[in-house]
Amino acid sequence: QTSAVAGKGKLTYYKIKSGDTLSSIAEKLGVRVKDIQQWNG
């Protein structure tokens, strides 16, 4: 919980689709894999 520190910018939600990976999601949204991990604990 404490690790999931709010990042900079507006909070949005991404629904995971079949076949998605963190790498593909990060590339699609223009963020880093470790940021996604941090935001979501």
Full PDB file with SEQRES, HELIX, SHEET, SSBOND, CRYST1, ORIGX, SCALE, CONECT and MASTER records, all heavy atoms in Angstrom:
SEQRES   1 A   41  GLN THR SER ALA VAL ALA GLY LYS GLY LYS LEU THR TYR          
SEQRES   2 A   41  TYR LYS ILE LYS SER GLY ASP THR LEU SER SER ILE ALA          
SEQRES   3 A   41  GLU LYS LEU GLY VAL ARG VAL LYS ASP ILE GLN GLN TRP          
SEQRES   4 A   41  ASN GLY                                                      
HELIX    1 AA1 LEU A   22  LEU A   29  1                                   8    
HELIX    2 AA2 VAL A   33  TRP A   39  1                                   7    
CRYST1    1.000    1.000    1.000  90.00  90.00  90.00 P 1           1          
ORIGX1      1.000000  0.000000  0.000000        0.00000                         
ORIGX2      0.000000  1.000000  0.000000        0.00000                         
ORIGX3      0.000000  0.000000  1.000000        0.00000                         
SCALE1      1.000000  0.000000  0.000000        0.00000                         
SCALE2      0.000000  1.000000  0.000000        0.00000                         
SCALE3      0.000000  0.000000  1.000000        0.00000                         
ATOM      1  N   GLN A   1       0.804  -1.205   0.000  1.00  0.00           N  
ATOM      2  CA  GLN A   1       0.000   0.000   0.000  1.00  0.00           C  
ATOM      3  C   GLN A   1       0.843   1.263   0.000  1.00  0.00           C  
ATOM      4  O   GLN A   1       0.594   2.217  -0.718  1.00  0.00           O  
ATOM      5  CB  GLN A   1      -0.941  -0.001   1.197  1.00  0.00           C  
ATOM      6  CG  GLN A   1      -2.041  -1.046   1.107  1.00  0.00           C  
ATOM      7  CD  GLN A   1      -2.868  -1.125   2.374  1.00  0.00           C  
ATOM      8  OE1 GLN A   1      -2.504  -0.566   3.400  1.00  0.00           O  
ATOM      9  NE2 GLN A   1      -3.984  -1.855   2.303  1.00  0.00           N  
ATOM     10  N   THR A   2       1.873   1.241   0.807  1.00  0.00           N  
ATOM     11  CA  THR A   2       2.729   2.419   0.881  1.00  0.00           C  
ATOM     12  C   THR A   2       3.618   2.537  -0.335  1.00  0.00           C  
ATOM     13  O   THR A   2       4.084   3.623  -0.684  1.00  0.00           O  
ATOM     14  CB  THR A   2       3.586   2.397   2.145  1.00  0.00           C  
ATOM     15  OG1 THR A   2       4.248   1.179   2.249  1.00  0.00           O  
ATOM     16  CG2 THR A   2       2.824   2.613   3.346  1.00  0.00           C  
ATOM     17  N   SER A   3       3.867   1.404  -0.972  1.00  0.00           N  
ATOM     18  CA  SER A   3       4.696   1.460  -2.165  1.00  0.00           C  
ATOM     19  C   SER A   3       3.952   2.048  -3.342  1.00  0.00           C  
ATOM     20  O   SER A   3       4.538   2.629  -4.250  1.00  0.00           O  
ATOM     21  CB  SER A   3       5.179   0.058  -2.549  1.00  0.00           C  
ATOM     22  OG  SER A   3       5.845  -0.539  -1.638  1.00  0.00           O  
ATOM     23  N   ALA A   4       2.606   1.857  -3.390  1.00  0.00           N  
ATOM     24  CA  ALA A   4       1.820   2.355  -4.497  1.00  0.00           C  
ATOM     25  C   ALA A   4       1.619   3.852  -4.357  1.00  0.00           C  
ATOM     26  O   ALA A   4       0.526   4.342  -4.108  1.00  0.00           O  
ATOM     27  CB  ALA A   4       0.478   1.636  -4.539  1.00  0.00           C  
ATOM     28  N   VAL A   5       2.666   4.554  -4.490  1.00  0.00           N  
ATOM     29  CA  VAL A   5       2.641   5.996  -4.364  1.00  0.00           C  
ATOM     30  C   VAL A   5       2.064   6.602  -5.637  1.00  0.00           C  
ATOM     31  O   VAL A   5       2.373   6.179  -6.749  1.00  0.00           O  
ATOM     32  CB  VAL A   5       4.051   6.539  -4.109  1.00  0.00           C  
ATOM     33  CG1 VAL A   5       4.029   8.051  -3.976  1.00  0.00           C  
ATOM     34  CG2 VAL A   5       4.645   5.901  -2.886  1.00  0.00           C  
ATOM     35  N   ALA A   6       1.173   7.574  -5.448  1.00  0.00           N  
ATOM     36  CA  ALA A   6       0.586   8.233  -6.610  1.00  0.00           C  
ATOM     37  C   ALA A   6       1.658   8.861  -7.472  1.00  0.00           C  
ATOM     38  O   ALA A   6       2.568   9.510  -6.964  1.00  0.00           O  
ATOM     39  CB  ALA A   6      -0.415   9.291  -6.148  1.00  0.00           C  
ATOM     40  N   GLY A   7       1.561   8.652  -8.769  1.00  0.00           N  
ATOM     41  CA  GLY A   7       2.525   9.253  -9.658  1.00  0.00           C  
ATOM     42  C   GLY A   7       2.095  10.646 -10.081  1.00  0.00           C  
ATOM     43  O   GLY A   7       1.042  11.152  -9.690  1.00  0.00           O  
ATOM     44  N   LYS A   8       2.885  11.268 -10.924  1.00  0.00           N  
ATOM     45  CA  LYS A   8       2.568  12.586 -11.448  1.00  0.00           C  
ATOM     46  C   LYS A   8       1.535  12.441 -12.573  1.00  0.00           C  
ATOM     47  O   LYS A   8       1.606  11.529 -13.367  1.00  0.00           O  
ATOM     48  CB  LYS A   8       3.829  13.267 -11.954  1.00  0.00           C  
ATOM     49  CG  LYS A   8       4.845  13.565 -10.873  1.00  0.00           C  
ATOM     50  CD  LYS A   8       6.063  14.240 -11.461  1.00  0.00           C  
ATOM     51  CE  LYS A   8       7.077  14.559 -10.369  1.00  0.00           C  
ATOM     52  NZ  LYS A   8       8.290  15.198 -10.934  1.00  0.00           N  
ATOM     53  N   GLY A   9       0.626  13.360 -12.663  1.00  0.00           N  
ATOM     54  CA  GLY A   9      -0.380  13.325 -13.704  1.00  0.00           C  
ATOM     55  C   GLY A   9      -1.739  12.875 -13.192  1.00  0.00           C  
ATOM     56  O   GLY A   9      -1.940  12.615 -12.000  1.00  0.00           O  
ATOM     57  N   LYS A  10      -2.690  12.725 -14.124  1.00  0.00           N  
ATOM     58  CA  LYS A  10      -4.058  12.364 -13.799  1.00  0.00           C  
ATOM     59  C   LYS A  10      -4.208  10.861 -13.724  1.00  0.00           C  
ATOM     60  O   LYS A  10      -3.691  10.114 -14.541  1.00  0.00           O  
ATOM     61  CB  LYS A  10      -5.000  12.932 -14.852  1.00  0.00           C  
ATOM     62  CG  LYS A  10      -6.461  12.687 -14.584  1.00  0.00           C  
ATOM     63  CD  LYS A  10      -7.325  13.301 -15.688  1.00  0.00           C  
ATOM     64  CE  LYS A  10      -8.804  13.044 -15.453  1.00  0.00           C  
ATOM     65  NZ  LYS A  10      -9.669  13.634 -16.529  1.00  0.00           N  
ATOM     66  N   LEU A  11      -4.960  10.413 -12.709  1.00  0.00           N  
ATOM     67  CA  LEU A  11      -5.184   8.988 -12.529  1.00  0.00           C  
ATOM     68  C   LEU A  11      -6.197   8.480 -13.556  1.00  0.00           C  
ATOM     69  O   LEU A  11      -7.302   9.029 -13.683  1.00  0.00           O  
ATOM     70  CB  LEU A  11      -5.684   8.701 -11.116  1.00  0.00           C  
ATOM     71  CG  LEU A  11      -6.125   7.264 -10.842  1.00  0.00           C  
ATOM     72  CD1 LEU A  11      -4.946   6.298 -10.984  1.00  0.00           C  
ATOM     73  CD2 LEU A  11      -6.744   7.153  -9.442  1.00  0.00           C  
ATOM     74  N   THR A  12      -5.854   7.419 -14.290  1.00  0.00           N  
ATOM     75  CA  THR A  12      -6.767   6.720 -15.184  1.00  0.00           C  
ATOM     76  C   THR A  12      -6.653   5.229 -14.900  1.00  0.00           C  
ATOM     77  O   THR A  12      -5.765   4.788 -14.170  1.00  0.00           O  
ATOM     78  CB  THR A  12      -6.443   6.999 -16.661  1.00  0.00           C  
ATOM     79  OG1 THR A  12      -5.106   6.548 -16.954  1.00  0.00           O  
ATOM     80  CG2 THR A  12      -6.544   8.489 -16.984  1.00  0.00           C  
ATOM     81  N   TYR A  13      -7.543   4.470 -15.498  1.00  0.00           N  
ATOM     82  CA  TYR A  13      -7.529   3.021 -15.289  1.00  0.00           C  
ATOM     83  C   TYR A  13      -7.458   2.315 -16.644  1.00  0.00           C  
ATOM     84  O   TYR A  13      -8.094   2.742 -17.615  1.00  0.00           O  
ATOM     85  CB  TYR A  13      -8.769   2.556 -14.532  1.00  0.00           C  
ATOM     86  CG  TYR A  13      -8.787   2.997 -13.072  1.00  0.00           C  
ATOM     87  CD1 TYR A  13      -9.375   4.208 -12.719  1.00  0.00           C  
ATOM     88  CD2 TYR A  13      -8.204   2.214 -12.091  1.00  0.00           C  
ATOM     89  CE1 TYR A  13      -9.388   4.626 -11.405  1.00  0.00           C  
ATOM     90  CE2 TYR A  13      -8.226   2.631 -10.765  1.00  0.00           C  
ATOM     91  CZ  TYR A  13      -8.807   3.822 -10.423  1.00  0.00           C  
ATOM     92  OH  TYR A  13      -8.801   4.228  -9.110  1.00  0.00           O  
ATOM     93  N   TYR A  14      -6.673   1.238 -16.690  1.00  0.00           N  
ATOM     94  CA  TYR A  14      -6.553   0.449 -17.915  1.00  0.00           C  
ATOM     95  C   TYR A  14      -7.024  -0.964 -17.598  1.00  0.00           C  
ATOM     96  O   TYR A  14      -6.535  -1.602 -16.658  1.00  0.00           O  
ATOM     97  CB  TYR A  14      -5.111   0.423 -18.407  1.00  0.00           C  
ATOM     98  CG  TYR A  14      -4.913  -0.438 -19.620  1.00  0.00           C  
ATOM     99  CD1 TYR A  14      -5.168   0.059 -20.898  1.00  0.00           C  
ATOM    100  CD2 TYR A  14      -4.491  -1.757 -19.486  1.00  0.00           C  
ATOM    101  CE1 TYR A  14      -5.005  -0.757 -22.034  1.00  0.00           C  
ATOM    102  CE2 TYR A  14      -4.316  -2.566 -20.593  1.00  0.00           C  
ATOM    103  CZ  TYR A  14      -4.571  -2.067 -21.860  1.00  0.00           C  
ATOM    104  OH  TYR A  14      -4.407  -2.891 -22.979  1.00  0.00           O  
ATOM    105  N   LYS A  15      -8.021  -1.435 -18.394  1.00  0.00           N  
ATOM    106  CA  LYS A  15      -8.523  -2.788 -18.231  1.00  0.00           C  
ATOM    107  C   LYS A  15      -7.672  -3.746 -19.054  1.00  0.00           C  
ATOM    108  O   LYS A  15      -7.520  -3.579 -20.256  1.00  0.00           O  
ATOM    109  CB  LYS A  15      -9.983  -2.877 -18.647  1.00  0.00           C  
ATOM    110  CG  LYS A  15     -10.621  -4.214 -18.330  1.00  0.00           C  
ATOM    111  CD  LYS A  15     -12.112  -4.203 -18.640  1.00  0.00           C  
ATOM    112  CE  LYS A  15     -12.759  -5.521 -18.269  1.00  0.00           C  
ATOM    113  NZ  LYS A  15     -14.215  -5.523 -18.550  1.00  0.00           N  
ATOM    114  N   ILE A  16      -7.116  -4.755 -18.398  1.00  0.00           N  
ATOM    115  CA  ILE A  16      -6.209  -5.701 -19.050  1.00  0.00           C  
ATOM    116  C   ILE A  16      -6.999  -6.602 -20.000  1.00  0.00           C  
ATOM    117  O   ILE A  16      -8.020  -7.188 -19.621  1.00  0.00           O  
ATOM    118  CB  ILE A  16      -5.468  -6.548 -17.997  1.00  0.00           C  
ATOM    119  CG1 ILE A  16      -4.707  -5.645 -17.025  1.00  0.00           C  
ATOM    120  CG2 ILE A  16      -4.528  -7.542 -18.670  1.00  0.00           C  
ATOM    121  CD1 ILE A  16      -4.102  -6.399 -15.846  1.00  0.00           C  
ATOM    122  N   LYS A  17      -6.486  -6.699 -21.227  1.00  0.00           N  
ATOM    123  CA  LYS A  17      -7.099  -7.548 -22.241  1.00  0.00           C  
ATOM    124  C   LYS A  17      -6.313  -8.828 -22.377  1.00  0.00           C  
ATOM    125  O   LYS A  17      -5.168  -8.936 -21.975  1.00  0.00           O  
ATOM    126  CB  LYS A  17      -7.150  -6.812 -23.584  1.00  0.00           C  
ATOM    127  CG  LYS A  17      -7.890  -5.474 -23.549  1.00  0.00           C  
ATOM    128  CD  LYS A  17      -7.848  -4.826 -24.926  1.00  0.00           C  
ATOM    129  CE  LYS A  17      -8.581  -3.509 -24.973  1.00  0.00           C  
ATOM    130  NZ  LYS A  17      -8.008  -2.488 -24.054  1.00  0.00           N  
ATOM    131  N   SER A  18      -6.985  -9.808 -22.965  1.00  0.00           N  
ATOM    132  CA  SER A  18      -6.322 -11.080 -23.215  1.00  0.00           C  
ATOM    133  C   SER A  18      -5.135 -10.876 -24.152  1.00  0.00           C  
ATOM    134  O   SER A  18      -5.262 -10.195 -25.168  1.00  0.00           O  
ATOM    135  CB  SER A  18      -7.311 -12.083 -23.808  1.00  0.00           C  
ATOM    136  OG  SER A  18      -6.690 -13.322 -24.084  1.00  0.00           O  
ATOM    137  N   GLY A  19      -3.978 -11.399 -23.789  1.00  0.00           N  
ATOM    138  CA  GLY A  19      -2.774 -11.273 -24.590  1.00  0.00           C  
ATOM    139  C   GLY A  19      -1.885 -10.115 -24.166  1.00  0.00           C  
ATOM    140  O   GLY A  19      -0.768  -9.972 -24.663  1.00  0.00           O  
ATOM    141  N   ASP A  20      -2.396  -9.232 -23.291  1.00  0.00           N  
ATOM    142  CA  ASP A  20      -1.585  -8.108 -22.801  1.00  0.00           C  
ATOM    143  C   ASP A  20      -0.434  -8.595 -21.911  1.00  0.00           C  
ATOM    144  O   ASP A  20      -0.558  -9.609 -21.197  1.00  0.00           O  
ATOM    145  CB  ASP A  20      -2.439  -7.125 -22.000  1.00  0.00           C  
ATOM    146  CG  ASP A  20      -3.213  -6.156 -22.869  1.00  0.00           C  
ATOM    147  OD1 ASP A  20      -2.870  -6.053 -24.055  1.00  0.00           O  
ATOM    148  OD2 ASP A  20      -4.139  -5.493 -22.334  1.00  0.00           O  
ATOM    149  N   THR A  21       0.641  -7.862 -21.995  1.00  0.00           N  
ATOM    150  CA  THR A  21       1.741  -8.009 -21.045  1.00  0.00           C  
ATOM    151  C   THR A  21       2.047  -6.629 -20.477  1.00  0.00           C  
ATOM    152  O   THR A  21       1.643  -5.614 -21.047  1.00  0.00           O  
ATOM    153  CB  THR A  21       2.998  -8.591 -21.699  1.00  0.00           C  
ATOM    154  OG1 THR A  21       3.501  -7.652 -22.687  1.00  0.00           O  
ATOM    155  CG2 THR A  21       2.701  -9.940 -22.354  1.00  0.00           C  
ATOM    156  N   LEU A  22       2.763  -6.598 -19.380  1.00  0.00           N  
ATOM    157  CA  LEU A  22       3.122  -5.294 -18.829  1.00  0.00           C  
ATOM    158  C   LEU A  22       3.953  -4.492 -19.803  1.00  0.00           C  
ATOM    159  O   LEU A  22       3.809  -3.269 -19.909  1.00  0.00           O  
ATOM    160  CB  LEU A  22       3.901  -5.466 -17.495  1.00  0.00           C  
ATOM    161  CG  LEU A  22       3.059  -5.674 -16.248  1.00  0.00           C  
ATOM    162  CD1 LEU A  22       3.961  -5.636 -15.001  1.00  0.00           C  
ATOM    163  CD2 LEU A  22       1.971  -4.621 -16.091  1.00  0.00           C  
ATOM    164  N   SER A  23       4.817  -5.196 -20.543  1.00  0.00           N  
ATOM    165  CA  SER A  23       5.663  -4.497 -21.515  1.00  0.00           C  
ATOM    166  C   SER A  23       4.827  -3.868 -22.606  1.00  0.00           C  
ATOM    167  O   SER A  23       5.034  -2.718 -23.010  1.00  0.00           O  
ATOM    168  CB  SER A  23       6.691  -5.455 -22.113  1.00  0.00           C  
ATOM    169  OG  SER A  23       7.577  -5.942 -21.136  1.00  0.00           O  
ATOM    170  N   SER A  24       3.847  -4.636 -23.120  1.00  0.00           N  
ATOM    171  CA  SER A  24       3.022  -4.109 -24.213  1.00  0.00           C  
ATOM    172  C   SER A  24       2.133  -2.977 -23.718  1.00  0.00           C  
ATOM    173  O   SER A  24       1.906  -1.993 -24.430  1.00  0.00           O  
ATOM    174  CB  SER A  24       2.175  -5.220 -24.830  1.00  0.00           C  
ATOM    175  OG  SER A  24       1.234  -5.734 -23.892  1.00  0.00           O  
ATOM    176  N   ILE A  25       1.613  -3.102 -22.472  1.00  0.00           N  
ATOM    177  CA  ILE A  25       0.789  -2.030 -21.906  1.00  0.00           C  
ATOM    178  C   ILE A  25       1.610  -0.764 -21.719  1.00  0.00           C  
ATOM    179  O   ILE A  25       1.174   0.341 -22.053  1.00  0.00           O  
ATOM    180  CB  ILE A  25       0.163  -2.479 -20.572  1.00  0.00           C  
ATOM    181  CG1 ILE A  25      -0.807  -3.644 -20.799  1.00  0.00           C  
ATOM    182  CG2 ILE A  25      -0.559  -1.319 -19.896  1.00  0.00           C  
ATOM    183  CD1 ILE A  25      -1.298  -4.288 -19.523  1.00  0.00           C  
ATOM    184  N   ALA A  26       2.838  -0.918 -21.173  1.00  0.00           N  
ATOM    185  CA  ALA A  26       3.700   0.223 -20.943  1.00  0.00           C  
ATOM    186  C   ALA A  26       4.028   0.930 -22.247  1.00  0.00           C  
ATOM    187  O   ALA A  26       4.004   2.171 -22.330  1.00  0.00           O  
ATOM    188  CB  ALA A  26       4.989  -0.233 -20.236  1.00  0.00           C  
ATOM    189  N   GLU A  27       4.324   0.148 -23.299  1.00  0.00           N  
ATOM    190  CA  GLU A  27       4.660   0.736 -24.597  1.00  0.00           C  
ATOM    191  C   GLU A  27       3.452   1.447 -25.183  1.00  0.00           C  
ATOM    192  O   GLU A  27       3.581   2.540 -25.741  1.00  0.00           O  
ATOM    193  CB  GLU A  27       5.155  -0.349 -25.528  1.00  0.00           C  
ATOM    194  CG  GLU A  27       5.636   0.188 -26.886  1.00  0.00           C  
ATOM    195  CD  GLU A  27       6.200  -0.917 -27.769  1.00  0.00           C  
ATOM    196  OE1 GLU A  27       6.239  -2.091 -27.323  1.00  0.00           O  
ATOM    197  OE2 GLU A  27       6.602  -0.606 -28.899  1.00  0.00           O  
ATOM    198  N   LYS A  28       2.260   0.831 -25.050  1.00  0.00           N  
ATOM    199  CA  LYS A  28       1.045   1.415 -25.585  1.00  0.00           C  
ATOM    200  C   LYS A  28       0.705   2.735 -24.904  1.00  0.00           C  
ATOM    201  O   LYS A  28       0.292   3.697 -25.544  1.00  0.00           O  
ATOM    202  CB  LYS A  28      -0.111   0.438 -25.430  1.00  0.00           C  
ATOM    203  CG  LYS A  28      -1.433   0.879 -26.048  1.00  0.00           C  
ATOM    204  CD  LYS A  28      -2.562  -0.071 -25.700  1.00  0.00           C  
ATOM    205  CE  LYS A  28      -2.263  -1.449 -26.194  1.00  0.00           C  
ATOM    206  NZ  LYS A  28      -3.396  -2.412 -25.885  1.00  0.00           N  
ATOM    207  N   LEU A  29       0.925   2.810 -23.592  1.00  0.00           N  
ATOM    208  CA  LEU A  29       0.530   3.992 -22.828  1.00  0.00           C  
ATOM    209  C   LEU A  29       1.656   5.003 -22.652  1.00  0.00           C  
ATOM    210  O   LEU A  29       1.424   6.096 -22.120  1.00  0.00           O  
ATOM    211  CB  LEU A  29      -0.012   3.581 -21.453  1.00  0.00           C  
ATOM    212  CG  LEU A  29      -1.237   2.658 -21.476  1.00  0.00           C  
ATOM    213  CD1 LEU A  29      -1.627   2.256 -20.057  1.00  0.00           C  
ATOM    214  CD2 LEU A  29      -2.415   3.357 -22.174  1.00  0.00           C  
ATOM    215  N   GLY A  30       2.884   4.657 -23.075  1.00  0.00           N  
ATOM    216  CA  GLY A  30       4.005   5.574 -22.977  1.00  0.00           C  
ATOM    217  C   GLY A  30       4.539   5.744 -21.554  1.00  0.00           C  
ATOM    218  O   GLY A  30       4.962   6.834 -21.175  1.00  0.00           O  
ATOM    219  N   VAL A  31       4.498   4.696 -20.767  1.00  0.00           N  
ATOM    220  CA  VAL A  31       5.046   4.718 -19.400  1.00  0.00           C  
ATOM    221  C   VAL A  31       6.029   3.569 -19.241  1.00  0.00           C  
ATOM    222  O   VAL A  31       6.209   2.755 -20.148  1.00  0.00           O  
ATOM    223  CB  VAL A  31       3.917   4.611 -18.347  1.00  0.00           C  
ATOM    224  CG1 VAL A  31       2.983   5.814 -18.445  1.00  0.00           C  
ATOM    225  CG2 VAL A  31       3.139   3.311 -18.526  1.00  0.00           C  
ATOM    226  N   ARG A  32       6.623   3.466 -18.054  1.00  0.00           N  
ATOM    227  CA  ARG A  32       7.595   2.415 -17.816  1.00  0.00           C  
ATOM    228  C   ARG A  32       6.971   1.260 -17.028  1.00  0.00           C  
ATOM    229  O   ARG A  32       6.030   1.466 -16.240  1.00  0.00           O  
ATOM    230  CB  ARG A  32       8.788   2.956 -17.036  1.00  0.00           C  
ATOM    231  CG  ARG A  32       9.577   4.030 -17.777  1.00  0.00           C  
ATOM    232  CD  ARG A  32      10.731   4.554 -16.922  1.00  0.00           C  
ATOM    233  NE  ARG A  32      10.271   5.105 -15.651  1.00  0.00           N  
ATOM    234  CZ  ARG A  32      11.101   5.555 -14.690  1.00  0.00           C  
ATOM    235  NH1 ARG A  32      12.419   5.522 -14.885  1.00  0.00           N  
ATOM    236  NH2 ARG A  32      10.605   6.024 -13.566  1.00  0.00           N  
ATOM    237  N   VAL A  33       7.493   0.064 -17.262  1.00  0.00           N  
ATOM    238  CA  VAL A  33       6.991  -1.129 -16.570  1.00  0.00           C  
ATOM    239  C   VAL A  33       7.091  -0.961 -15.051  1.00  0.00           C  
ATOM    240  O   VAL A  33       6.163  -1.268 -14.309  1.00  0.00           O  
ATOM    241  CB  VAL A  33       7.751  -2.384 -17.030  1.00  0.00           C  
ATOM    242  CG1 VAL A  33       7.394  -3.578 -16.158  1.00  0.00           C  
ATOM    243  CG2 VAL A  33       7.447  -2.692 -18.499  1.00  0.00           C  
ATOM    244  N   LYS A  34       8.244  -0.433 -14.557  1.00  0.00           N  
ATOM    245  CA  LYS A  34       8.423  -0.308 -13.111  1.00  0.00           C  
ATOM    246  C   LYS A  34       7.485   0.719 -12.493  1.00  0.00           C  
ATOM    247  O   LYS A  34       7.113   0.607 -11.322  1.00  0.00           O  
ATOM    248  CB  LYS A  34       9.877   0.016 -12.765  1.00  0.00           C  
ATOM    249  CG  LYS A  34      10.363   1.363 -13.217  1.00  0.00           C  
ATOM    250  CD  LYS A  34      11.828   1.546 -12.772  1.00  0.00           C  
ATOM    251  CE  LYS A  34      12.347   2.919 -13.132  1.00  0.00           C  
ATOM    252  NZ  LYS A  34      13.772   3.105 -12.678  1.00  0.00           N  
ATOM    253  N   ASP A  35       7.070   1.721 -13.338  1.00  0.00           N  
ATOM    254  CA  ASP A  35       6.089   2.680 -12.832  1.00  0.00           C  
ATOM    255  C   ASP A  35       4.747   1.995 -12.603  1.00  0.00           C  
ATOM    256  O   ASP A  35       4.087   2.226 -11.584  1.00  0.00           O  
ATOM    257  CB  ASP A  35       5.934   3.834 -13.811  1.00  0.00           C  
ATOM    258  CG  ASP A  35       7.148   4.740 -13.849  1.00  0.00           C  
ATOM    259  OD1 ASP A  35       7.871   4.808 -12.819  1.00  0.00           O  
ATOM    260  OD2 ASP A  35       7.383   5.385 -14.889  1.00  0.00           O  
ATOM    261  N   ILE A  36       4.330   1.161 -13.583  1.00  0.00           N  
ATOM    262  CA  ILE A  36       3.070   0.430 -13.430  1.00  0.00           C  
ATOM    263  C   ILE A  36       3.116  -0.456 -12.181  1.00  0.00           C  
ATOM    264  O   ILE A  36       2.158  -0.532 -11.408  1.00  0.00           O  
ATOM    265  CB  ILE A  36       2.771  -0.401 -14.696  1.00  0.00           C  
ATOM    266  CG1 ILE A  36       2.609   0.509 -15.931  1.00  0.00           C  
ATOM    267  CG2 ILE A  36       1.514  -1.250 -14.499  1.00  0.00           C  
ATOM    268  CD1 ILE A  36       2.411  -0.255 -17.239  1.00  0.00           C  
ATOM    269  N   GLN A  37       4.241  -1.120 -11.994  1.00  0.00           N  
ATOM    270  CA  GLN A  37       4.391  -1.975 -10.838  1.00  0.00           C  
ATOM    271  C   GLN A  37       4.289  -1.167  -9.527  1.00  0.00           C  
ATOM    272  O   GLN A  37       3.634  -1.579  -8.576  1.00  0.00           O  
ATOM    273  CB  GLN A  37       5.733  -2.719 -10.901  1.00  0.00           C  
ATOM    274  CG  GLN A  37       5.795  -3.783 -11.996  1.00  0.00           C  
ATOM    275  CD  GLN A  37       7.167  -4.440 -12.043  1.00  0.00           C  
ATOM    276  OE1 GLN A  37       8.184  -3.748 -12.192  1.00  0.00           O  
ATOM    277  NE2 GLN A  37       7.191  -5.747 -11.920  1.00  0.00           N  
ATOM    278  N   GLN A  38       4.959   0.001  -9.491  1.00  0.00           N  
ATOM    279  CA  GLN A  38       4.931   0.830  -8.293  1.00  0.00           C  
ATOM    280  C   GLN A  38       3.537   1.354  -8.010  1.00  0.00           C  
ATOM    281  O   GLN A  38       3.066   1.329  -6.880  1.00  0.00           O  
ATOM    282  CB  GLN A  38       5.914   1.993  -8.420  1.00  0.00           C  
ATOM    283  CG  GLN A  38       5.988   2.886  -7.180  1.00  0.00           C  
ATOM    284  CD  GLN A  38       6.934   4.039  -7.344  1.00  0.00           C  
ATOM    285  OE1 GLN A  38       7.383   4.325  -8.456  1.00  0.00           O  
ATOM    286  NE2 GLN A  38       7.254   4.723  -6.254  1.00  0.00           N  
ATOM    287  N   TRP A  39       2.859   1.844  -9.057  1.00  0.00           N  
ATOM    288  CA  TRP A  39       1.522   2.404  -8.871  1.00  0.00           C  
ATOM    289  C   TRP A  39       0.542   1.361  -8.350  1.00  0.00           C  
ATOM    290  O   TRP A  39      -0.408   1.708  -7.656  1.00  0.00           O  
ATOM    291  CB  TRP A  39       1.010   2.990 -10.202  1.00  0.00           C  
ATOM    292  CG  TRP A  39       1.827   4.159 -10.708  1.00  0.00           C  
ATOM    293  CD1 TRP A  39       2.545   5.022  -9.974  1.00  0.00           C  
ATOM    294  CD2 TRP A  39       1.984   4.532 -12.059  1.00  0.00           C  
ATOM    295  NE1 TRP A  39       3.155   5.952 -10.770  1.00  0.00           N  
ATOM    296  CE2 TRP A  39       2.833   5.678 -12.092  1.00  0.00           C  
ATOM    297  CE3 TRP A  39       1.515   4.048 -13.304  1.00  0.00           C  
ATOM    298  CZ2 TRP A  39       3.202   6.307 -13.273  1.00  0.00           C  
ATOM    299  CZ3 TRP A  39       1.874   4.701 -14.483  1.00  0.00           C  
ATOM    300  CH2 TRP A  39       2.727   5.816 -14.448  1.00  0.00           C  
ATOM    301  N   ASN A  40       0.773   0.106  -8.686  1.00  0.00           N  
ATOM    302  CA  ASN A  40      -0.177  -0.937  -8.357  1.00  0.00           C  
ATOM    303  C   ASN A  40       0.323  -1.920  -7.295  1.00  0.00           C  
ATOM    304  O   ASN A  40      -0.314  -2.940  -7.028  1.00  0.00           O  
ATOM    305  CB  ASN A  40      -0.578  -1.709  -9.622  1.00  0.00           C  
ATOM    306  CG  ASN A  40      -1.344  -0.836 -10.608  1.00  0.00           C  
ATOM    307  OD1 ASN A  40      -2.576  -0.699 -10.527  1.00  0.00           O  
ATOM    308  ND2 ASN A  40      -0.631  -0.235 -11.558  1.00  0.00           N  
ATOM    309  N   GLY A  41       1.438  -1.604  -6.700  1.00  0.00           N  
ATOM    310  CA  GLY A  41       1.951  -2.450  -5.636  1.00  0.00           C  
ATOM    311  C   GLY A  41       2.288  -3.853  -6.074  1.00  0.00           C  
ATOM    312  O   GLY A  41       2.056  -4.818  -5.344  1.00  0.00           O  
TER     313      GLY A  41                                                      
MASTER        0    0    0    2    0    0    0    6  312    1    0    4          
END                                                                             
